[in-house]
Amino acid sequence: MLFETIYYVVELIDGDYAHLRKMDDESGDLKLVARALLPEAISTGSKLKYEMMQYELM
């Protein structure tokens, strides 16, 4: 499905990038995302919803 909903947790913030892990895949690889694409209020441990090509803080 093109526009599926995916839930992430912020594992690490490293300068202009954040490392995200899928909430339903604890052993999976981290996804590196530019912080400019994420809500400003994120911090380590924040939960995000990715839907329709946008990240939203839960």
PDB file of N, CA and C in Angstrom:
ATOM      1  N   MET A   1       0.849  -1.183   0.000  1.00  0.00           N
ATOM      2  CA  MET A   1       0.000   0.000   0.000  1.00  0.00           C
ATOM      3  C   MET A   1       0.896   1.249   0.000  1.00  0.00           C
ATOM      4  N   LEU A   2       0.590   2.185  -0.836  1.00  0.00           N
ATOM      5  CA  LEU A   2       1.422   3.367  -1.022  1.00  0.00           C
ATOM      6  C   LEU A   2       1.442   4.277   0.204  1.00  0.00           C
ATOM      7  N   PHE A   3       0.303   4.510   0.826  1.00  0.00           N
ATOM      8  CA  PHE A   3       0.213   5.450   1.943  1.00  0.00           C
ATOM      9  C   PHE A   3      -0.157   4.733   3.236  1.00  0.00           C
ATOM     10  N   GLU A   4       0.644   3.754   3.634  1.00  0.00           N
ATOM     11  CA  GLU A   4       0.364   3.047   4.870  1.00  0.00           C
ATOM     12  C   GLU A   4       0.784   3.900   6.072  1.00  0.00           C
ATOM     13  N   THR A   5       0.238   3.586   7.237  1.00  0.00           N
ATOM     14  CA  THR A   5       0.595   4.268   8.470  1.00  0.00           C
ATOM     15  C   THR A   5       1.677   3.454   9.173  1.00  0.00           C
ATOM     16  N   ILE A   6       2.764   4.127   9.554  1.00  0.00           N
ATOM     17  CA  ILE A   6       3.871   3.481  10.241  1.00  0.00           C
ATOM     18  C   ILE A   6       4.159   4.270  11.518  1.00  0.00           C
ATOM     19  N   TYR A   7       4.397   3.551  12.601  1.00  0.00           N
ATOM     20  CA  TYR A   7       4.691   4.184  13.882  1.00  0.00           C
ATOM     21  C   TYR A   7       6.165   3.997  14.209  1.00  0.00           C
ATOM     22  N   TYR A   8       6.810   5.095  14.635  1.00  0.00           N
ATOM     23  CA  TYR A   8       8.237   5.091  14.946  1.00  0.00           C
ATOM     24  C   TYR A   8       8.459   5.646  16.345  1.00  0.00           C
ATOM     25  N   VAL A   9       9.610   5.296  16.913  1.00  0.00           N
ATOM     26  CA  VAL A   9      10.097   5.926  18.135  1.00  0.00           C
ATOM     27  C   VAL A   9      11.465   6.525  17.808  1.00  0.00           C
ATOM     28  N   VAL A  10      11.727   7.720  18.341  1.00  0.00           N
ATOM     29  CA  VAL A  10      13.008   8.391  18.119  1.00  0.00           C
ATOM     30  C   VAL A  10      14.039   7.752  19.049  1.00  0.00           C
ATOM     31  N   GLU A  11      15.011   7.086  18.480  1.00  0.00           N
ATOM     32  CA  GLU A  11      16.052   6.413  19.259  1.00  0.00           C
ATOM     33  C   GLU A  11      17.206   7.349  19.595  1.00  0.00           C
ATOM     34  N   LEU A  12      17.544   8.239  18.658  1.00  0.00           N
ATOM     35  CA  LEU A  12      18.716   9.093  18.832  1.00  0.00           C
ATOM     36  C   LEU A  12      18.555  10.334  17.970  1.00  0.00           C
ATOM     37  N   ILE A  13      18.938  11.477  18.517  1.00  0.00           N
ATOM     38  CA  ILE A  13      18.999  12.717  17.739  1.00  0.00           C
ATOM     39  C   ILE A  13      20.468  13.072  17.602  1.00  0.00           C
ATOM     40  N   ASP A  14      20.906  13.231  16.357  1.00  0.00           N
ATOM     41  CA  ASP A  14      22.310  13.463  16.054  1.00  0.00           C
ATOM     42  C   ASP A  14      22.417  14.669  15.125  1.00  0.00           C
ATOM     43  N   GLY A  15      22.519  15.851  15.713  1.00  0.00           N
ATOM     44  CA  GLY A  15      22.611  17.073  14.914  1.00  0.00           C
ATOM     45  C   GLY A  15      21.353  17.313  14.103  1.00  0.00           C
ATOM     46  N   ASP A  16      21.495  17.350  12.786  1.00  0.00           N
ATOM     47  CA  ASP A  16      20.366  17.627  11.893  1.00  0.00           C
ATOM     48  C   ASP A  16      19.586  16.377  11.512  1.00  0.00           C
ATOM     49  N   TYR A  17      19.887  15.254  12.140  1.00  0.00           N
ATOM     50  CA  TYR A  17      19.231  13.992  11.796  1.00  0.00           C
ATOM     51  C   TYR A  17      18.697  13.295  13.039  1.00  0.00           C
ATOM     52  N   ALA A  18      17.679  12.484  12.834  1.00  0.00           N
ATOM     53  CA  ALA A  18      17.133  11.650  13.899  1.00  0.00           C
ATOM     54  C   ALA A  18      17.132  10.206  13.416  1.00  0.00           C
ATOM     55  N   HIS A  19      17.417   9.300  14.317  1.00  0.00           N
ATOM     56  CA  HIS A  19      17.411   7.875  14.022  1.00  0.00           C
ATOM     57  C   HIS A  19      16.102   7.311  14.568  1.00  0.00           C
ATOM     58  N   LEU A  20      15.277   6.752  13.681  1.00  0.00           N
ATOM     59  CA  LEU A  20      13.961   6.247  14.055  1.00  0.00           C
ATOM     60  C   LEU A  20      13.926   4.730  13.952  1.00  0.00           C
ATOM     61  N   ARG A  21      13.163   4.120  14.863  1.00  0.00           N
ATOM     62  CA  ARG A  21      12.967   2.672  14.831  1.00  0.00           C
ATOM     63  C   ARG A  21      11.458   2.410  14.747  1.00  0.00           C
ATOM     64  N   LYS A  22      11.086   1.484  13.863  1.00  0.00           N
ATOM     65  CA  LYS A  22       9.680   1.089  13.768  1.00  0.00           C
ATOM     66  C   LYS A  22       9.251   0.490  15.099  1.00  0.00           C
ATOM     67  N   MET A  23       8.114   0.901  15.592  1.00  0.00           N
ATOM     68  CA  MET A  23       7.650   0.426  16.893  1.00  0.00           C
ATOM     69  C   MET A  23       7.305  -1.057  16.875  1.00  0.00           C
ATOM     70  N   ASP A  24       6.922  -1.595  15.739  1.00  0.00           N
ATOM     71  CA  ASP A  24       6.547  -3.004  15.667  1.00  0.00           C
ATOM     72  C   ASP A  24       7.713  -3.903  15.248  1.00  0.00           C
ATOM     73  N   ASP A  25       8.934  -3.344  15.181  1.00  0.00           N
ATOM     74  CA  ASP A  25      10.113  -4.111  14.757  1.00  0.00           C
ATOM     75  C   ASP A  25      11.315  -3.680  15.594  1.00  0.00           C
ATOM     76  N   GLU A  26      11.365  -4.122  16.842  1.00  0.00           N
ATOM     77  CA  GLU A  26      12.421  -3.713  17.773  1.00  0.00           C
ATOM     78  C   GLU A  26      13.820  -4.107  17.305  1.00  0.00           C
ATOM     79  N   SER A  27      13.949  -5.175  16.540  1.00  0.00           N
ATOM     80  CA  SER A  27      15.267  -5.638  16.123  1.00  0.00           C
ATOM     81  C   SER A  27      15.677  -5.111  14.746  1.00  0.00           C
ATOM     82  N   GLY A  28      14.818  -4.329  14.113  1.00  0.00           N
ATOM     83  CA  GLY A  28      15.102  -3.833  12.770  1.00  0.00           C
ATOM     84  C   GLY A  28      16.111  -2.701  12.747  1.00  0.00           C
ATOM     85  N   ASP A  29      16.533  -2.342  11.557  1.00  0.00           N
ATOM     86  CA  ASP A  29      17.489  -1.259  11.372  1.00  0.00           C
ATOM     87  C   ASP A  29      16.852   0.082  11.687  1.00  0.00           C
ATOM     88  N   LEU A  30      17.694   1.040  12.043  1.00  0.00           N
ATOM     89  CA  LEU A  30      17.229   2.403  12.276  1.00  0.00           C
ATOM     90  C   LEU A  30      17.091   3.128  10.945  1.00  0.00           C
ATOM     91  N   LYS A  31      16.139   4.034  10.888  1.00  0.00           N
ATOM     92  CA  LYS A  31      15.913   4.858   9.698  1.00  0.00           C
ATOM     93  C   LYS A  31      16.443   6.257  10.005  1.00  0.00           C
ATOM     94  N   LEU A  32      17.304   6.777   9.161  1.00  0.00           N
ATOM     95  CA  LEU A  32      17.882   8.102   9.326  1.00  0.00           C
ATOM     96  C   LEU A  32      17.001   9.112   8.597  1.00  0.00           C
ATOM     97  N   VAL A  33      16.513  10.122   9.331  1.00  0.00           N
ATOM     98  CA  VAL A  33      15.597  11.116   8.762  1.00  0.00           C
ATOM     99  C   VAL A  33      16.093  12.513   9.127  1.00  0.00           C
ATOM    100  N   ALA A  34      16.080  13.412   8.160  1.00  0.00           N
ATOM    101  CA  ALA A  34      16.455  14.805   8.414  1.00  0.00           C
ATOM    102  C   ALA A  34      15.457  15.431   9.383  1.00  0.00           C
ATOM    103  N   ARG A  35      15.952  16.148  10.378  1.00  0.00           N
ATOM    104  CA  ARG A  35      15.072  16.764  11.378  1.00  0.00           C
ATOM    105  C   ARG A  35      14.149  17.799  10.768  1.00  0.00           C
ATOM    106  N   ALA A  36      14.516  18.352   9.630  1.00  0.00           N
ATOM    107  CA  ALA A  36      13.654  19.326   8.959  1.00  0.00           C
ATOM    108  C   ALA A  36      12.328  18.699   8.530  1.00  0.00           C
ATOM    109  N   LEU A  37      12.286  17.384   8.393  1.00  0.00           N
ATOM    110  CA  LEU A  37      11.060  16.679   8.000  1.00  0.00           C
ATOM    111  C   LEU A  37      10.208  16.266   9.194  1.00  0.00           C
ATOM    112  N   LEU A  38      10.730  16.462  10.400  1.00  0.00           N
ATOM    113  CA  LEU A  38      10.064  16.001  11.618  1.00  0.00           C
ATOM    114  C   LEU A  38       9.513  17.185  12.415  1.00  0.00           C
ATOM    115  N   PRO A  39       8.543  16.945  13.294  1.00  0.00           N
ATOM    116  CA  PRO A  39       8.046  18.023  14.149  1.00  0.00           C
ATOM    117  C   PRO A  39       9.175  18.585  15.027  1.00  0.00           C
ATOM    118  N   GLU A  40       9.147  19.885  15.287  1.00  0.00           N
ATOM    119  CA  GLU A  40      10.208  20.543  16.061  1.00  0.00           C
ATOM    120  C   GLU A  40      10.330  20.014  17.480  1.00  0.00           C
ATOM    121  N   ALA A  41       9.240  19.592  18.073  1.00  0.00           N
ATOM    122  CA  ALA A  41       9.215  19.229  19.489  1.00  0.00           C
ATOM    123  C   ALA A  41       9.707  17.824  19.795  1.00  0.00           C
ATOM    124  N   ILE A  42      10.300  17.129  18.830  1.00  0.00           N
ATOM    125  CA  ILE A  42      10.734  15.756  19.112  1.00  0.00           C
ATOM    126  C   ILE A  42      11.921  15.733  20.068  1.00  0.00           C
ATOM    127  N   SER A  43      12.035  14.635  20.787  1.00  0.00           N
ATOM    128  CA  SER A  43      13.186  14.367  21.636  1.00  0.00           C
ATOM    129  C   SER A  43      13.389  12.861  21.639  1.00  0.00           C
ATOM    130  N   THR A  44      14.472  12.410  22.235  1.00  0.00           N
ATOM    131  CA  THR A  44      14.718  10.980  22.319  1.00  0.00           C
ATOM    132  C   THR A  44      13.552  10.322  23.059  1.00  0.00           C
ATOM    133  N   GLY A  45      13.001   9.276  22.476  1.00  0.00           N
ATOM    134  CA  GLY A  45      11.862   8.577  23.065  1.00  0.00           C
ATOM    135  C   GLY A  45      10.516   9.030  22.532  1.00  0.00           C
ATOM    136  N   SER A  46      10.480  10.103  21.766  1.00  0.00           N
ATOM    137  CA  SER A  46       9.212  10.574  21.191  1.00  0.00           C
ATOM    138  C   SER A  46       8.637   9.524  20.246  1.00  0.00           C
ATOM    139  N   LYS A  47       7.328   9.459  20.201  1.00  0.00           N
ATOM    140  CA  LYS A  47       6.648   8.536  19.298  1.00  0.00           C
ATOM    141  C   LYS A  47       6.062   9.335  18.139  1.00  0.00           C
ATOM    142  N   LEU A  48       6.269   8.819  16.926  1.00  0.00           N
ATOM    143  CA  LEU A  48       5.828   9.502  15.718  1.00  0.00           C
ATOM    144  C   LEU A  48       4.921   8.601  14.898  1.00  0.00           C
ATOM    145  N   LYS A  49       4.000   9.229  14.198  1.00  0.00           N
ATOM    146  CA  LYS A  49       3.162   8.527  13.228  1.00  0.00           C
ATOM    147  C   LYS A  49       3.522   9.067  11.857  1.00  0.00           C
ATOM    148  N   TYR A  50       3.812   8.160  10.918  1.00  0.00           N
ATOM    149  CA  TYR A  50       4.130   8.533   9.541  1.00  0.00           C
ATOM    150  C   TYR A  50       2.961   8.111   8.672  1.00  0.00           C
ATOM    151  N   GLU A  51       2.339   9.106   8.044  1.00  0.00           N
ATOM    152  CA  GLU A  51       1.162   8.842   7.209  1.00  0.00           C
ATOM    153  C   GLU A  51       1.081   9.929   6.146  1.00  0.00           C
ATOM    154  N   MET A  52       0.727   9.535   4.952  1.00  0.00           N
ATOM    155  CA  MET A  52       0.582  10.483   3.837  1.00  0.00           C
ATOM    156  C   MET A  52       1.849  11.339   3.660  1.00  0.00           C
ATOM    157  N   MET A  53       3.001  10.676   3.799  1.00  0.00           N
ATOM    158  CA  MET A  53       4.311  11.308   3.603  1.00  0.00           C
ATOM    159  C   MET A  53       4.618  12.420   4.602  1.00  0.00           C
ATOM    160  N   GLN A  54       3.997  12.362   5.817  1.00  0.00           N
ATOM    161  CA  GLN A  54       4.257  13.351   6.856  1.00  0.00           C
ATOM    162  C   GLN A  54       4.416  12.651   8.198  1.00  0.00           C
ATOM    163  N   TYR A  55       5.269  13.223   9.033  1.00  0.00           N
ATOM    164  CA  TYR A  55       5.480  12.739  10.399  1.00  0.00           C
ATOM    165  C   TYR A  55       4.678  13.590  11.359  1.00  0.00           C
ATOM    166  N   GLU A  56       4.020  12.938  12.321  1.00  0.00           N
ATOM    167  CA  GLU A  56       3.205  13.639  13.305  1.00  0.00           C
ATOM    168  C   GLU A  56       3.565  13.103  14.690  1.00  0.00           C
ATOM    169  N   LEU A  57       3.755  14.014  15.651  1.00  0.00           N
ATOM    170  CA  LEU A  57       4.065  13.637  17.011  1.00  0.00           C
ATOM    171  C   LEU A  57       2.825  13.073  17.679  1.00  0.00           C
ATOM    172  N   MET A  58       2.983  11.923  18.329  1.00  0.00           N
ATOM    173  CA  MET A  58       1.839  11.299  18.993  1.00  0.00           C
ATOM    174  C   MET A  58       1.768  11.722  20.448  1.00  0.00           C
TER     175      MET A  58
END
